[in-house]
């Protein structure tokens, strides 16, 4: 049976737990590497979800639908 797709929120929770464990300084070097590899995989999956979602966002304008363009904030001097 195929694995159910994990939600963004549950993946974030898993990543937060990994960070907590690694911050605890009670993990062996081998355990740290295992956690690090899993964390990197989760980060890559989260990044893909965010990119896919961003591509789906549309803004309605007077001319119809338009691709979402991120707003770049100007820095004040």
PDB file of N, CA and C in Angstrom:
ATOM      1  N   UNK A   1       0.846  -1.170   0.000  1.00  0.00           N
ATOM      2  CA  UNK A   1       0.000   0.000   0.000  1.00  0.00           C
ATOM      3  C   UNK A   1       0.895   1.238   0.000  1.00  0.00           C
ATOM      4  N   UNK A   2       0.535   2.253  -0.754  1.00  0.00           N
ATOM      5  CA  UNK A   2       1.322   3.477  -0.862  1.00  0.00           C
ATOM      6  C   UNK A   2       1.241   4.277   0.436  1.00  0.00           C
ATOM      7  N   UNK A   3       2.344   4.917   0.769  1.00  0.00           N
ATOM      8  CA  UNK A   3       2.407   5.737   1.972  1.00  0.00           C
ATOM      9  C   UNK A   3       1.603   7.017   1.763  1.00  0.00           C
ATOM     10  N   UNK A   4       0.786   7.371   2.778  1.00  0.00           N
ATOM     11  CA  UNK A   4      -0.023   8.578   2.696  1.00  0.00           C
ATOM     12  C   UNK A   4       0.909   9.788   2.724  1.00  0.00           C
ATOM     13  N   UNK A   5       0.606  10.782   1.884  1.00  0.00           N
ATOM     14  CA  UNK A   5       1.427  11.985   1.822  1.00  0.00           C
ATOM     15  C   UNK A   5       1.336  12.726   3.147  1.00  0.00           C
ATOM     16  N   UNK A   6       2.497  13.065   3.685  1.00  0.00           N
ATOM     17  CA  UNK A   6       2.575  13.739   4.977  1.00  0.00           C
ATOM     18  C   UNK A   6       2.303  15.234   4.807  1.00  0.00           C
ATOM     19  N   UNK A   7       1.637  15.826   5.770  1.00  0.00           N
ATOM     20  CA  UNK A   7       1.302  17.248   5.682  1.00  0.00           C
ATOM     21  C   UNK A   7       2.522  18.108   5.997  1.00  0.00           C
ATOM     22  N   UNK A   8       2.468  19.345   5.521  1.00  0.00           N
ATOM     23  CA  UNK A   8       3.533  20.317   5.779  1.00  0.00           C
ATOM     24  C   UNK A   8       3.723  20.490   7.288  1.00  0.00           C
ATOM     25  N   UNK A   9       2.613  20.614   8.003  1.00  0.00           N
ATOM     26  CA  UNK A   9       2.675  20.845   9.437  1.00  0.00           C
ATOM     27  C   UNK A   9       3.314  19.672  10.182  1.00  0.00           C
ATOM     28  N   UNK A  10       2.963  18.457   9.813  1.00  0.00           N
ATOM     29  CA  UNK A  10       3.544  17.305  10.502  1.00  0.00           C
ATOM     30  C   UNK A  10       5.035  17.167  10.188  1.00  0.00           C
ATOM     31  N   UNK A  11       5.435  17.535   8.978  1.00  0.00           N
ATOM     32  CA  UNK A  11       6.861  17.501   8.644  1.00  0.00           C
ATOM     33  C   UNK A  11       7.616  18.562   9.441  1.00  0.00           C
ATOM     34  N   UNK A  12       7.006  19.741   9.637  1.00  0.00           N
ATOM     35  CA  UNK A  12       7.635  20.783  10.453  1.00  0.00           C
ATOM     36  C   UNK A  12       7.797  20.309  11.898  1.00  0.00           C
ATOM     37  N   UNK A  13       6.800  19.624  12.423  1.00  0.00           N
ATOM     38  CA  UNK A  13       6.884  19.091  13.783  1.00  0.00           C
ATOM     39  C   UNK A  13       8.029  18.091  13.905  1.00  0.00           C
ATOM     40  N   UNK A  14       8.145  17.200  12.919  1.00  0.00           N
ATOM     41  CA  UNK A  14       9.247  16.228  12.933  1.00  0.00           C
ATOM     42  C   UNK A  14      10.590  16.931  12.901  1.00  0.00           C
ATOM     43  N   UNK A  15      10.713  17.960  12.071  1.00  0.00           N
ATOM     44  CA  UNK A  15      11.962  18.703  11.967  1.00  0.00           C
ATOM     45  C   UNK A  15      12.283  19.404  13.293  1.00  0.00           C
ATOM     46  N   UNK A  16      11.283  19.987  13.919  1.00  0.00           N
ATOM     47  CA  UNK A  16      11.491  20.644  15.214  1.00  0.00           C
ATOM     48  C   UNK A  16      11.954  19.651  16.272  1.00  0.00           C
ATOM     49  N   UNK A  17      11.403  18.442  16.272  1.00  0.00           N
ATOM     50  CA  UNK A  17      11.815  17.416  17.234  1.00  0.00           C
ATOM     51  C   UNK A  17      13.269  17.006  16.992  1.00  0.00           C
ATOM     52  N   UNK A  18      13.658  16.898  15.736  1.00  0.00           N
ATOM     53  CA  UNK A  18      15.040  16.548  15.399  1.00  0.00           C
ATOM     54  C   UNK A  18      15.991  17.624  15.925  1.00  0.00           C
ATOM     55  N   UNK A  19      15.624  18.886  15.721  1.00  0.00           N
ATOM     56  CA  UNK A  19      16.459  19.999  16.188  1.00  0.00           C
ATOM     57  C   UNK A  19      16.565  19.966  17.708  1.00  0.00           C
ATOM     58  N   UNK A  20      15.455  19.713  18.409  1.00  0.00           N
ATOM     59  CA  UNK A  20      15.477  19.633  19.870  1.00  0.00           C
ATOM     60  C   UNK A  20      16.421  18.534  20.349  1.00  0.00           C
ATOM     61  N   UNK A  21      16.353  17.365  19.710  1.00  0.00           N
ATOM     62  CA  UNK A  21      17.218  16.250  20.088  1.00  0.00           C
ATOM     63  C   UNK A  21      18.678  16.612  19.866  1.00  0.00           C
ATOM     64  N   UNK A  22      18.964  17.230  18.725  1.00  0.00           N
ATOM     65  CA  UNK A  22      20.348  17.574  18.416  1.00  0.00           C
ATOM     66  C   UNK A  22      20.865  18.691  19.320  1.00  0.00           C
ATOM     67  N   UNK A  23      19.995  19.597  19.755  1.00  0.00           N
ATOM     68  CA  UNK A  23      20.396  20.665  20.673  1.00  0.00           C
ATOM     69  C   UNK A  23      20.658  20.132  22.079  1.00  0.00           C
ATOM     70  N   UNK A  24      20.123  18.961  22.395  1.00  0.00           N
ATOM     71  CA  UNK A  24      20.245  18.401  23.728  1.00  0.00           C
ATOM     72  C   UNK A  24      21.623  17.892  24.087  1.00  0.00           C
ATOM     73  N   UNK A  25      22.518  17.762  23.123  1.00  0.00           N
ATOM     74  CA  UNK A  25      23.892  17.301  23.360  1.00  0.00           C
ATOM     75  C   UNK A  25      23.968  15.911  23.982  1.00  0.00           C
ATOM     76  N   UNK A  26      22.908  15.112  23.865  1.00  0.00           N
ATOM     77  CA  UNK A  26      22.917  13.767  24.428  1.00  0.00           C
ATOM     78  C   UNK A  26      22.907  12.702  23.325  1.00  0.00           C
ATOM     79  N   UNK A  27      23.281  13.081  22.115  1.00  0.00           N
ATOM     80  CA  UNK A  27      23.244  12.172  20.979  1.00  0.00           C
ATOM     81  C   UNK A  27      24.681  11.861  20.563  1.00  0.00           C
ATOM     82  N   UNK A  28      24.910  10.620  20.197  1.00  0.00           N
ATOM     83  CA  UNK A  28      26.233  10.236  19.715  1.00  0.00           C
ATOM     84  C   UNK A  28      26.491  10.873  18.355  1.00  0.00           C
ATOM     85  N   UNK A  29      27.727  10.829  17.920  1.00  0.00           N
ATOM     86  CA  UNK A  29      28.067  11.365  16.603  1.00  0.00           C
ATOM     87  C   UNK A  29      27.282  10.642  15.520  1.00  0.00           C
ATOM     88  N   UNK A  30      27.184   9.324  15.637  1.00  0.00           N
ATOM     89  CA  UNK A  30      26.412   8.537  14.660  1.00  0.00           C
ATOM     90  C   UNK A  30      24.942   8.937  14.680  1.00  0.00           C
ATOM     91  N   UNK A  31      24.382   9.120  15.868  1.00  0.00           N
ATOM     92  CA  UNK A  31      22.991   9.542  15.989  1.00  0.00           C
ATOM     93  C   UNK A  31      22.774  10.928  15.419  1.00  0.00           C
ATOM     94  N   UNK A  32      23.756  11.804  15.633  1.00  0.00           N
ATOM     95  CA  UNK A  32      23.667  13.151  15.084  1.00  0.00           C
ATOM     96  C   UNK A  32      23.640  13.110  13.563  1.00  0.00           C
ATOM     97  N   UNK A  33      24.467  12.263  12.969  1.00  0.00           N
ATOM     98  CA  UNK A  33      24.501  12.148  11.507  1.00  0.00           C
ATOM     99  C   UNK A  33      23.179  11.613  10.966  1.00  0.00           C
ATOM    100  N   UNK A  34      22.601  10.645  11.634  1.00  0.00           N
ATOM    101  CA  UNK A  34      21.309  10.096  11.214  1.00  0.00           C
ATOM    102  C   UNK A  34      20.236  11.192  11.283  1.00  0.00           C
ATOM    103  N   UNK A  35      20.222  11.933  12.391  1.00  0.00           N
ATOM    104  CA  UNK A  35      19.255  13.023  12.536  1.00  0.00           C
ATOM    105  C   UNK A  35      19.485  14.108  11.496  1.00  0.00           C
ATOM    106  N   UNK A  36      20.743  14.429  11.255  1.00  0.00           N
ATOM    107  CA  UNK A  36      21.070  15.457  10.267  1.00  0.00           C
ATOM    108  C   UNK A  36      20.573  15.059   8.877  1.00  0.00           C
ATOM    109  N   UNK A  37      20.831  13.814   8.485  1.00  0.00           N
ATOM    110  CA  UNK A  37      20.383  13.338   7.168  1.00  0.00           C
ATOM    111  C   UNK A  37      18.864  13.372   7.057  1.00  0.00           C
ATOM    112  N   UNK A  38      18.172  12.946   8.106  1.00  0.00           N
ATOM    113  CA  UNK A  38      16.708  12.979   8.076  1.00  0.00           C
ATOM    114  C   UNK A  38      16.208  14.417   8.009  1.00  0.00           C
ATOM    115  N   UNK A  39      16.846  15.306   8.772  1.00  0.00           N
ATOM    116  CA  UNK A  39      16.468  16.716   8.756  1.00  0.00           C
ATOM    117  C   UNK A  39      16.638  17.340   7.382  1.00  0.00           C
ATOM    118  N   UNK A  40      17.731  17.013   6.702  1.00  0.00           N
ATOM    119  CA  UNK A  40      17.975  17.531   5.355  1.00  0.00           C
ATOM    120  C   UNK A  40      16.903  17.026   4.387  1.00  0.00           C
ATOM    121  N   UNK A  41      16.541  15.762   4.495  1.00  0.00           N
ATOM    122  CA  UNK A  41      15.488  15.208   3.625  1.00  0.00           C
ATOM    123  C   UNK A  41      14.158  15.928   3.870  1.00  0.00           C
ATOM    124  N   UNK A  42      13.843  16.157   5.131  1.00  0.00           N
ATOM    125  CA  UNK A  42      12.595  16.853   5.462  1.00  0.00           C
ATOM    126  C   UNK A  42      12.637  18.282   4.918  1.00  0.00           C
ATOM    127  N   UNK A  43      13.760  18.969   5.107  1.00  0.00           N
ATOM    128  CA  UNK A  43      13.898  20.342   4.587  1.00  0.00           C
ATOM    129  C   UNK A  43      13.692  20.384   3.083  1.00  0.00           C
ATOM    130  N   UNK A  44      14.266  19.429   2.370  1.00  0.00           N
ATOM    131  CA  UNK A  44      14.100  19.379   0.914  1.00  0.00           C
ATOM    132  C   UNK A  44      12.635  19.164   0.537  1.00  0.00           C
ATOM    133  N   UNK A  45      11.950  18.290   1.264  1.00  0.00           N
ATOM    134  CA  UNK A  45      10.528  18.055   0.996  1.00  0.00           C
ATOM    135  C   UNK A  45       9.702  19.309   1.286  1.00  0.00           C
ATOM    136  N   UNK A  46      10.021  20.002   2.390  1.00  0.00           N
ATOM    137  CA  UNK A  46       9.314  21.233   2.734  1.00  0.00           C
ATOM    138  C   UNK A  46       9.539  22.304   1.671  1.00  0.00           C
ATOM    139  N   UNK A  47      10.764  22.416   1.203  1.00  0.00           N
ATOM    140  CA  UNK A  47      11.099  23.396   0.167  1.00  0.00           C
ATOM    141  C   UNK A  47      10.302  23.118  -1.106  1.00  0.00           C
ATOM    142  N   UNK A  48      10.188  21.840  -1.464  1.00  0.00           N
ATOM    143  CA  UNK A  48       9.430  21.466  -2.662  1.00  0.00           C
ATOM    144  C   UNK A  48       7.952  21.835  -2.495  1.00  0.00           C
ATOM    145  N   UNK A  49       7.401  21.555  -1.329  1.00  0.00           N
ATOM    146  CA  UNK A  49       5.998  21.898  -1.072  1.00  0.00           C
ATOM    147  C   UNK A  49       5.792  23.405  -1.199  1.00  0.00           C
ATOM    148  N   UNK A  50       6.692  24.191  -0.610  1.00  0.00           N
ATOM    149  CA  UNK A  50       6.559  25.650  -0.678  1.00  0.00           C
ATOM    150  C   UNK A  50       6.665  26.149  -2.114  1.00  0.00           C
ATOM    151  N   UNK A  51       7.604  25.615  -2.882  1.00  0.00           N
ATOM    152  CA  UNK A  51       7.742  26.029  -4.281  1.00  0.00           C
ATOM    153  C   UNK A  51       6.523  25.650  -5.108  1.00  0.00           C
ATOM    154  N   UNK A  52       6.016  24.442  -4.902  1.00  0.00           N
ATOM    155  CA  UNK A  52       4.818  24.002  -5.633  1.00  0.00           C
ATOM    156  C   UNK A  52       3.620  24.879  -5.278  1.00  0.00           C
ATOM    157  N   UNK A  53       3.482  25.193  -3.995  1.00  0.00           N
ATOM    158  CA  UNK A  53       2.369  26.018  -3.540  1.00  0.00           C
ATOM    159  C   UNK A  53       2.472  27.426  -4.098  1.00  0.00           C
ATOM    160  N   UNK A  54       3.666  27.995  -4.074  1.00  0.00           N
ATOM    161  CA  UNK A  54       3.858  29.341  -4.604  1.00  0.00           C
ATOM    162  C   UNK A  54       3.463  29.405  -6.079  1.00  0.00           C
ATOM    163  N   UNK A  55       3.777  28.362  -6.825  1.00  0.00           N
ATOM    164  CA  UNK A  55       3.429  28.328  -8.241  1.00  0.00           C
ATOM    165  C   UNK A  55       1.934  28.273  -8.493  1.00  0.00           C
ATOM    166  N   UNK A  56       1.171  27.819  -7.498  1.00  0.00           N
ATOM    167  CA  UNK A  56      -0.278  27.694  -7.658  1.00  0.00           C
ATOM    168  C   UNK A  56      -1.031  28.953  -7.254  1.00  0.00           C
ATOM    169  N   UNK A  57      -0.372  29.828  -6.534  1.00  0.00           N
ATOM    170  CA  UNK A  57      -1.037  31.031  -6.052  1.00  0.00           C
ATOM    171  C   UNK A  57      -1.264  31.997  -7.205  1.00  0.00           C
ATOM    172  N   UNK A  58      -2.464  32.486  -7.310  1.00  0.00           N
ATOM    173  CA  UNK A  58      -2.834  33.451  -8.353  1.00  0.00           C
ATOM    174  C   UNK A  58      -3.449  34.676  -7.700  1.00  0.00           C
ATOM    175  N   UNK A  59      -3.235  35.801  -8.313  1.00  0.00           N
ATOM    176  CA  UNK A  59      -3.843  37.037  -7.846  1.00  0.00           C
ATOM    177  C   UNK A  59      -4.830  37.502  -8.906  1.00  0.00           C
ATOM    178  N   UNK A  60      -6.049  37.806  -8.477  1.00  0.00           N
ATOM    179  CA  UNK A  60      -7.041  38.315  -9.406  1.00  0.00           C
ATOM    180  C   UNK A  60      -6.802  39.810  -9.637  1.00  0.00           C
ATOM    181  N   UNK A  61      -6.738  40.196 -10.889  1.00  0.00           N
ATOM    182  CA  UNK A  61      -6.550  41.600 -11.239  1.00  0.00           C
ATOM    183  C   UNK A  61      -7.675  42.022 -12.168  1.00  0.00           C
ATOM    184  N   UNK A  62      -7.660  43.274 -12.591  1.00  0.00           N
ATOM    185  CA  UNK A  62      -8.667  43.754 -13.525  1.00  0.00           C
ATOM    186  C   UNK A  62      -8.581  43.008 -14.852  1.00  0.00           C
ATOM    187  N   UNK A  63      -7.393  42.555 -15.201  1.00  0.00           N
ATOM    188  CA  UNK A  63      -7.196  41.847 -16.468  1.00  0.00           C
ATOM    189  C   UNK A  63      -7.461  40.345 -16.338  1.00  0.00           C
ATOM    190  N   UNK A  64      -7.796  39.867 -15.164  1.00  0.00           N
ATOM    191  CA  UNK A  64      -8.013  38.438 -14.949  1.00  0.00           C
ATOM    192  C   UNK A  64      -6.985  37.897 -13.976  1.00  0.00           C
ATOM    193  N   UNK A  65      -6.732  36.584 -14.020  1.00  0.00           N
ATOM    194  CA  UNK A  65      -5.759  35.977 -13.120  1.00  0.00           C
ATOM    195  C   UNK A  65      -4.347  36.298 -13.576  1.00  0.00           C
ATOM    196  N   UNK A  66      -3.486  36.460 -12.618  1.00  0.00           N
ATOM    197  CA  UNK A  66      -2.100  36.786 -12.889  1.00  0.00           C
ATOM    198  C   UNK A  66      -1.230  35.951 -11.958  1.00  0.00           C
ATOM    199  N   UNK A  67      -0.053  35.514 -12.421  1.00  0.00           N
ATOM    200  CA  UNK A  67       0.842  34.744 -11.567  1.00  0.00           C
ATOM    201  C   UNK A  67       1.240  35.556 -10.350  1.00  0.00           C
ATOM    202  N   UNK A  68       1.374  34.881  -9.236  1.00  0.00           N
ATOM    203  CA  UNK A  68       1.785  35.505  -7.992  1.00  0.00           C
ATOM    204  C   UNK A  68       3.214  36.011  -8.115  1.00  0.00           C
ATOM    205  N   UNK A  69       3.424  37.245  -7.736  1.00  0.00           N
ATOM    206  CA  UNK A  69       4.767  37.829  -7.721  1.00  0.00           C
ATOM    207  C   UNK A  69       5.068  38.237  -6.286  1.00  0.00           C
ATOM    208  N   UNK A  70       6.117  37.683  -5.694  1.00  0.00           N
ATOM    209  CA  UNK A  70       6.442  38.035  -4.309  1.00  0.00           C
ATOM    210  C   UNK A  70       6.721  39.523  -4.172  1.00  0.00           C
ATOM    211  N   UNK A  71       6.329  40.086  -3.049  1.00  0.00           N
ATOM    212  CA  UNK A  71       6.560  41.491  -2.776  1.00  0.00           C
ATOM    213  C   UNK A  71       7.946  41.621  -2.146  1.00  0.00           C
ATOM    214  N   UNK A  72       8.751  42.512  -2.715  1.00  0.00           N
ATOM    215  CA  UNK A  72      10.091  42.751  -2.169  1.00  0.00           C
ATOM    216  C   UNK A  72      10.028  44.030  -1.375  1.00  0.00           C
ATOM    217  N   UNK A  73      10.359  43.924  -0.090  1.00  0.00           N
ATOM    218  CA  UNK A  73      10.314  45.098   0.763  1.00  0.00           C
ATOM    219  C   UNK A  73      11.554  45.946   0.550  1.00  0.00           C
ATOM    220  N   UNK A  74      11.339  47.250   0.499  1.00  0.00           N
ATOM    221  CA  UNK A  74      12.456  48.172   0.348  1.00  0.00           C
ATOM    222  C   UNK A  74      13.037  48.434   1.725  1.00  0.00           C
ATOM    223  N   UNK A  75      14.350  48.529   1.813  1.00  0.00           N
ATOM    224  CA  UNK A  75      14.985  48.850   3.080  1.00  0.00           C
ATOM    225  C   UNK A  75      15.030  50.359   3.245  1.00  0.00           C
ATOM    226  N   UNK A  76      14.774  50.794   4.455  1.00  0.00           N
ATOM    227  CA  UNK A  76      14.795  52.230   4.757  1.00  0.00           C
ATOM    228  C   UNK A  76      16.184  52.599   5.236  1.00  0.00           C
ATOM    229  N   UNK A  77      16.684  53.719   4.766  1.00  0.00           N
ATOM    230  CA  UNK A  77      18.009  54.192   5.194  1.00  0.00           C
ATOM    231  C   UNK A  77      17.890  55.166   6.323  1.00  0.00           C
TER     232      UNK A  77
END
